C-alpha atoms as a PDB file:
ATOM      1  CA  MET A   1     162.039  14.520   0.728  1.00  0.00           C
ATOM      2  CA  LEU A   2     159.000  14.791   0.295  1.00  0.00           C
ATOM      3  CA  PHE A   3     159.878  15.719  -3.832  1.00  0.00           C
ATOM      4  CA  ALA A   4     161.779  12.795  -4.011  1.00  0.00           C
ATOM      5  CA  LEU A   5     158.578  10.522  -3.432  1.00  0.00           C
ATOM      6  CA  LEU A   6     156.649  12.882  -5.810  1.00  0.00           C
ATOM      7  CA  ALA A   7     159.514  12.148  -8.652  1.00  0.00           C
ATOM      8  CA  VAL A   8     159.063   8.274  -8.355  1.00  0.00           C
ATOM      9  CA  LEU A   9     155.267   8.784  -8.119  1.00  0.00           C
ATOM     10  CA  GLN A  10     154.841  10.403 -11.488  1.00  0.00           C
ATOM     11  CA  GLU A  11     157.992   7.631 -12.922  1.00  0.00           C
ATOM     12  CA  HIS A  12     155.588   4.993 -11.979  1.00  0.00           C
ATOM     13  CA  GLY A  13     152.743   6.876 -13.230  1.00  0.00           C
ATOM     14  CA  ALA A  14     154.475   7.697 -16.538  1.00  0.00           C
ATOM     15  CA  ASP A  15     155.431   3.449 -17.338  1.00  0.00           C
ATOM     16  CA  GLY A  16     152.314   1.672 -15.928  1.00  0.00           C
ATOM     17  CA  ALA A  17     149.802   4.362 -16.288  1.00  0.00           C
ATOM     18  CA  ALA A  18     150.178   5.355 -19.525  1.00  0.00           C
ATOM     19  CA  ALA A  19     147.071   3.765 -20.475  1.00  0.00           C
ATOM     20  CA  GLU A  20     145.044   4.427 -17.555  1.00  0.00           C
ATOM     21  CA  VAL A  21     143.175   7.707 -16.677  1.00  0.00           C
ATOM     22  CA  ALA A  22     144.088   8.931 -13.662  1.00  0.00           C
ATOM     23  CA  THR A  23     140.872  10.007 -11.425  1.00  0.00           C
ATOM     24  CA  PRO A  24     140.030  11.181  -8.125  1.00  0.00           C
ATOM     25  CA  PHE A  25     137.428   8.926  -7.734  1.00  0.00           C
ATOM     26  CA  ARG A  26     139.730   5.469  -8.548  1.00  0.00           C
ATOM     27  CA  LEU A  27     141.691   3.981  -5.405  1.00  0.00           C
ATOM     28  CA  ASN A  28     145.029   3.479  -6.130  1.00  0.00           C
ATOM     29  CA  PRO A  29     146.668   0.832  -3.422  1.00  0.00           C
ATOM     30  CA  GLY A  30     150.537   2.107  -4.488  1.00  0.00           C
ATOM     31  CA  LEU A  31     149.568   5.875  -3.918  1.00  0.00           C
ATOM     32  CA  ILE A  32     147.525   4.966  -0.748  1.00  0.00           C
ATOM     33  CA  ILE A  33     150.508   3.238   0.623  1.00  0.00           C
ATOM     34  CA  TRP A  34     153.240   6.384  -0.332  1.00  0.00           C
ATOM     35  CA  THR A  35     150.992   8.863   0.542  1.00  0.00           C
ATOM     36  CA  TRP A  36     150.580   7.329   4.400  1.00  0.00           C
ATOM     37  CA  ILE A  37     154.712   6.830   4.003  1.00  0.00           C
ATOM     38  CA  VAL A  38     155.108  10.450   3.526  1.00  0.00           C
ATOM     39  CA  PHE A  39     152.420  11.470   6.090  1.00  0.00           C
ATOM     40  CA  LEU A  40     153.884   9.211   9.055  1.00  0.00           C
ATOM     41  CA  VAL A  41     157.591  10.950   7.862  1.00  0.00           C
ATOM     42  CA  LEU A  42     156.058  14.559   8.045  1.00  0.00           C
ATOM     43  CA  PHE A  43     154.282  13.705  11.427  1.00  0.00           C
ATOM     44  CA  PHE A  44     157.483  12.519  13.103  1.00  0.00           C
ATOM     45  CA  MET A  45     159.565  15.031  11.829  1.00  0.00           C
ATOM     46  CA  LEU A  46     157.122  17.314  12.578  1.00  0.00           C
ATOM     47  CA  ARG A  47     156.796  16.208  15.894  1.00  0.00           C
ATOM     48  CA  ARG A  48     160.178  15.915  16.903  1.00  0.00           C
ATOM     49  CA  PHE A  49     160.832  19.395  15.389  1.00  0.00           C
ATOM     50  CA  ALA A  50     158.325  21.542  14.827  1.00  0.00           C
ATOM     51  CA  TRP A  51     155.917  20.765  17.569  1.00  0.00           C
ATOM     52  CA  PRO A  52     158.202  21.504  20.793  1.00  0.00           C
ATOM     53  CA  ALA A  53     159.250  24.878  18.967  1.00  0.00           C
ATOM     54  CA  ILE A  54     155.565  25.717  18.173  1.00  0.00           C
ATOM     55  CA  LEU A  55     154.573  24.888  21.958  1.00  0.00           C
ATOM     56  CA  ARG A  56     157.445  26.707  23.757  1.00  0.00           C
ATOM     57  CA  LEU A  57     156.417  30.076  21.079  1.00  0.00           C
ATOM     58  CA  ALA A  58     152.133  29.213  22.074  1.00  0.00           C
ATOM     59  CA  GLU A  59     153.348  28.973  25.629  1.00  0.00           C
ATOM     60  CA  GLU A  60     155.752  31.770  25.469  1.00  0.00           C
ATOM     61  CA  ARG A  61     152.573  33.896  23.880  1.00  0.00           C
ATOM     62  CA  GLU A  62     150.686  32.802  26.574  1.00  0.00           C
ATOM     63  CA  ARG A  63     152.465  33.618  29.244  1.00  0.00           C
ATOM     64  CA  THR A  64     153.198  37.196  27.787  1.00  0.00           C
ATOM     65  CA  ILE A  65     149.201  37.529  27.178  1.00  0.00           C
ATOM     66  CA  HIS A  66     148.940  36.869  30.610  1.00  0.00           C
ATOM     67  CA  ARG A  67     151.588  39.186  31.739  1.00  0.00           C
ATOM     68  CA  GLN A  68     150.256  41.822  29.877  1.00  0.00           C
ATOM     69  CA  LEU A  69     146.312  40.841  31.125  1.00  0.00           C
ATOM     70  CA  ALA A  70     148.067  41.926  34.529  1.00  0.00           C
ATOM     71  CA  GLU A  71     150.111  44.594  33.375  1.00  0.00           C
ATOM     72  CA  ALA A  72     146.608  46.154  32.256  1.00  0.00           C
ATOM     73  CA  GLU A  73     144.835  44.947  35.272  1.00  0.00           C
ATOM     74  CA  LYS A  74     147.309  46.663  38.123  1.00  0.00           C
ATOM     75  CA  MET A  75     147.413  49.443  35.638  1.00  0.00           C
ATOM     76  CA  HIS A  76     143.554  49.946  35.333  1.00  0.00           C
ATOM     77  CA  ALA A  77     143.254  49.105  39.349  1.00  0.00           C
ATOM     78  CA  GLU A  78     146.053  52.411  39.574  1.00  0.00           C
ATOM     79  CA  ALA A  79     144.000  54.472  37.046  1.00  0.00           C
ATOM     80  CA  GLN A  80     141.439  53.655  39.446  1.00  0.00           C
ATOM     81  CA  ALA A  81     142.570  54.451  42.337  1.00  0.00           C
ATOM     82  CA  ALA A  82     143.987  57.946  40.601  1.00  0.00           C
ATOM     83  CA  LEU A  83     141.093  58.779  39.501  1.00  0.00           C
ATOM     84  CA  GLU A  84     139.606  58.301  43.169  1.00  0.00           C
ATOM     85  CA  GLU A  85     142.057  60.800  44.338  1.00  0.00           C
ATOM     86  CA  HIS A  86     141.513  62.780  41.480  1.00  0.00           C
ATOM     87  CA  ARG A  87     137.841  63.036  43.099  1.00  0.00           C
ATOM     88  CA  LYS A  88     138.596  63.497  46.538  1.00  0.00           C
ATOM     89  CA  LEU A  89     141.184  66.041  45.452  1.00  0.00           C
ATOM     90  CA  LEU A  90     138.739  67.931  43.549  1.00  0.00           C
ATOM     91  CA  ALA A  91     136.038  67.606  46.344  1.00  0.00           C
ATOM     92  CA  GLY A  92     138.833  69.289  48.346  1.00  0.00           C
ATOM     93  CA  ALA A  93     139.337  71.566  46.180  1.00  0.00           C
ATOM     94  CA  LYS A  94     135.558  72.555  45.966  1.00  0.00           C
ATOM     95  CA  ASP A  95     135.394  72.962  49.887  1.00  0.00           C
ATOM     96  CA  GLU A  96     138.324  74.774  50.530  1.00  0.00           C
ATOM     97  CA  ALA A  97     136.760  77.143  47.600  1.00  0.00           C
ATOM     98  CA  ALA A  98     133.745  77.199  49.532  1.00  0.00           C
ATOM     99  CA  ARG A  99     135.072  77.961  52.263  1.00  0.00           C
ATOM    100  CA  LEU A 100     137.535  80.103  50.992  1.00  0.00           C
ATOM    101  CA  ILE A 101     134.065  82.292  49.530  1.00  0.00           C
ATOM    102  CA  GLY A 102     132.772  81.885  53.407  1.00  0.00           C
ATOM    103  CA  GLN A 103     135.528  83.591  54.590  1.00  0.00           C
ATOM    104  CA  ALA A 104     135.825  86.328  52.176  1.00  0.00           C
ATOM    105  CA  ARG A 105     131.895  87.063  52.517  1.00  0.00           C
ATOM    106  CA  THR A 106     132.873  87.046  56.779  1.00  0.00           C
ATOM    107  CA  VAL A 107     135.330  89.617  56.274  1.00  0.00           C
ATOM    108  CA  ALA A 108     133.820  91.960  53.753  1.00  0.00           C
ATOM    109  CA  GLU A 109     130.728  91.610  56.127  1.00  0.00           C
ATOM    110  CA  LYS A 110     132.610  92.658  58.793  1.00  0.00           C
ATOM    111  CA  GLU A 111     134.677  95.391  56.802  1.00  0.00           C
ATOM    112  CA  ARG A 112     131.483  96.807  55.588  1.00  0.00           C
ATOM    113  CA  GLU A 113     130.608  96.980  59.619  1.00  0.00           C
ATOM    114  CA  THR A 114     133.536  98.554  60.769  1.00  0.00           C
ATOM    115  CA  LEU A 115     132.961 101.105  57.542  1.00  0.00           C
ATOM    116  CA  LEU A 116     130.032 101.752  58.547  1.00  0.00           C
ATOM    117  CA  GLU A 117     130.904 102.237  62.268  1.00  0.00           C
ATOM    118  CA  ARG A 118     133.432 104.232  61.282  1.00  0.00           C
ATOM    119  CA  THR A 119     131.543 106.744  59.178  1.00  0.00           C
ATOM    120  CA  ARG A 120     129.008 107.009  62.053  1.00  0.00           C
ATOM    121  CA  GLN A 121     131.604 108.051  64.539  1.00  0.00           C
ATOM    122  CA  GLU A 122     132.404 110.052  62.046  1.00  0.00           C
ATOM    123  CA  GLN A 123     129.246 111.626  61.472  1.00  0.00           C
ATOM    124  CA  GLU A 124     128.944 112.096  65.194  1.00  0.00           C
ATOM    125  CA  HIS A 125     132.507 113.737  65.621  1.00  0.00           C
ATOM    126  CA  MET A 126     131.619 116.125  62.514  1.00  0.00           C
ATOM    127  CA  LEU A 127     128.363 116.602  64.335  1.00  0.00           C
ATOM    128  CA  ASP A 128     129.432 117.455  68.028  1.00  0.00           C
ATOM    129  CA  ARG A 129     132.132 119.509  65.958  1.00  0.00           C
ATOM    130  CA  ALA A 130     129.152 121.371  64.303  1.00  0.00           C
ATOM    131  CA  ARG A 131     127.001 121.916  67.497  1.00  0.00           C
ATOM    132  CA  ARG A 132     130.219 123.549  69.675  1.00  0.00           C
ATOM    133  CA  GLU A 133     131.257 125.582  66.635  1.00  0.00           C
ATOM    134  CA  ILE A 134     126.889 126.589  66.613  1.00  0.00           C
ATOM    135  CA  GLU A 135     127.833 127.070  70.730  1.00  0.00           C
ATOM    136  CA  ALA A 136     130.324 128.897  70.304  1.00  0.00           C
ATOM    137  CA  GLU A 137     129.481 130.987  67.712  1.00  0.00           C
ATOM    138  CA  ARG A 138     126.188 131.603  69.464  1.00  0.00           C
ATOM    139  CA  ASP A 139     127.915 132.367  72.984  1.00  0.00           C
ATOM    140  CA  ARG A 140     130.143 135.205  70.859  1.00  0.00           C
ATOM    141  CA  ALA A 141     126.886 136.624  69.447  1.00  0.00           C
ATOM    142  CA  ILE A 142     125.534 136.421  72.916  1.00  0.00           C
ATOM    143  CA  VAL A 143     128.474 138.542  74.108  1.00  0.00           C
ATOM    144  CA  GLU A 144     128.824 140.807  71.182  1.00  0.00           C
ATOM    145  CA  LEU A 145     124.760 141.683  71.907  1.00  0.00           C
ATOM    146  CA  ARG A 146     125.797 142.027  75.278  1.00  0.00           C
ATOM    147  CA  ARG A 147     128.897 144.443  74.468  1.00  0.00           C
ATOM    148  CA  GLU A 148     126.340 146.149  72.134  1.00  0.00           C
ATOM    149  CA  ALA A 149     123.680 146.356  74.553  1.00  0.00           C
ATOM    150  CA  VAL A 150     126.312 147.776  76.710  1.00  0.00           C
ATOM    151  CA  ASP A 151     127.365 150.488  74.655  1.00  0.00           C
ATOM    152  CA  LEU A 152     123.800 151.016  73.522  1.00  0.00           C
ATOM    153  CA  SER A 153     122.844 151.093  77.364  1.00  0.00           C
ATOM    154  CA  LEU A 154     125.640 153.574  78.228  1.00  0.00           C
ATOM    155  CA  ALA A 155     124.853 156.065  75.027  1.00  0.00           C
ATOM    156  CA  ALA A 156     120.834 155.776  76.246  1.00  0.00           C
ATOM    157  CA  ALA A 157     121.853 156.703  79.660  1.00  0.00           C
ATOM    158  CA  SER A 158     124.271 159.112  78.732  1.00  0.00           C
ATOM    159  CA  ARG A 159     121.961 161.069  76.948  1.00  0.00           C
ATOM    160  CA  LEU A 160     118.952 160.786  79.699  1.00  0.00           C
ATOM    161  CA  VAL A 161     121.572 161.943  82.214  1.00  0.00           C
ATOM    162  CA  GLU A 162     123.452 163.950  80.126  1.00  0.00           C
ATOM    163  CA  ASN A 163     126.494 162.813  81.993  1.00  0.00           C
ATOM    164  CA  ASN A 164     129.487 160.117  79.714  1.00  0.00           C
ATOM    165  CA  LEU A 165     129.263 157.270  81.587  1.00  0.00           C
ATOM    166  CA  ASP A 166     132.182 156.172  79.598  1.00  0.00           C
ATOM    167  CA  THR A 167     134.027 154.643  82.222  1.00  0.00           C
ATOM    168  CA  ASP A 168     135.365 151.078  83.241  1.00  0.00           C
ATOM    169  CA  ALA A 169     133.564 151.452  86.653  1.00  0.00           C
ATOM    170  CA  HIS A 170     129.848 152.253  85.411  1.00  0.00           C
ATOM    171  CA  ARG A 171     130.539 149.780  82.367  1.00  0.00           C
ATOM    172  CA  LYS A 172     131.238 146.822  85.075  1.00  0.00           C
ATOM    173  CA  LEU A 173     127.775 147.661  86.790  1.00  0.00           C
ATOM    174  CA  VAL A 174     125.709 147.964  83.337  1.00  0.00           C
ATOM    175  CA  VAL A 175     127.220 144.308  82.760  1.00  0.00           C
ATOM    176  CA  GLU A 176     126.448 142.582  85.656  1.00  0.00           C
ATOM    177  CA  TYR A 177     122.459 144.368  85.604  1.00  0.00           C
ATOM    178  CA  LEU A 178     122.388 142.537  82.075  1.00  0.00           C
ATOM    179  CA  ASP A 179     124.005 139.473  83.258  1.00  0.00           C
ATOM    180  CA  ALA A 180     121.515 139.500  86.465  1.00  0.00           C
ATOM    181  CA  MET A 181     118.874 139.933  83.626  1.00  0.00           C
ATOM    182  CA  GLY A 182     119.757 137.089  81.571  1.00  0.00           C
ATOM    183  CA  GLN A 183     119.644 134.842  84.947  1.00  0.00           C
ATOM    184  CA  ALA A 184     116.313 135.818  85.664  1.00  0.00           C
ATOM    185  CA  SER A 185     115.165 135.170  82.323  1.00  0.00           C
END
């Protein structure tokens, strides 16, 4: 329709305006009327057909934006909650790690003390065994020395008496004498 109006205006301008020069500052009442008519027709057509569609699309876009903002706020809140939960879990994990390290230190200290005590006991046991072995060796050496002393005493006595005192009775007599001497000293 707009093209039809423009065609009419061009024909009118070709017939009557051949002598006149068209300038942008000159008022042409016919052109003003036709411009207003075209404007009003176009305005009512746009208001009737385009404006409801434009409003509907704008409202849909606004609802979509509001929905997306609400979803973004919800996601932000969820992210904040997840972050806070992550921080709590991290703090809990740090506390748990510190607790486990403390337990490990305690267990290690107890194990160290147990090993030290076991080592002390083994040392005491070894010292006791060494003392017993030394005492047993000393007792054997004393017995051996007594035996040799008895033999030497018998040999000396037999030379003095010129008698062979090898009998068991004489041996017993010398052993008793040496025992009496050992108790006296």
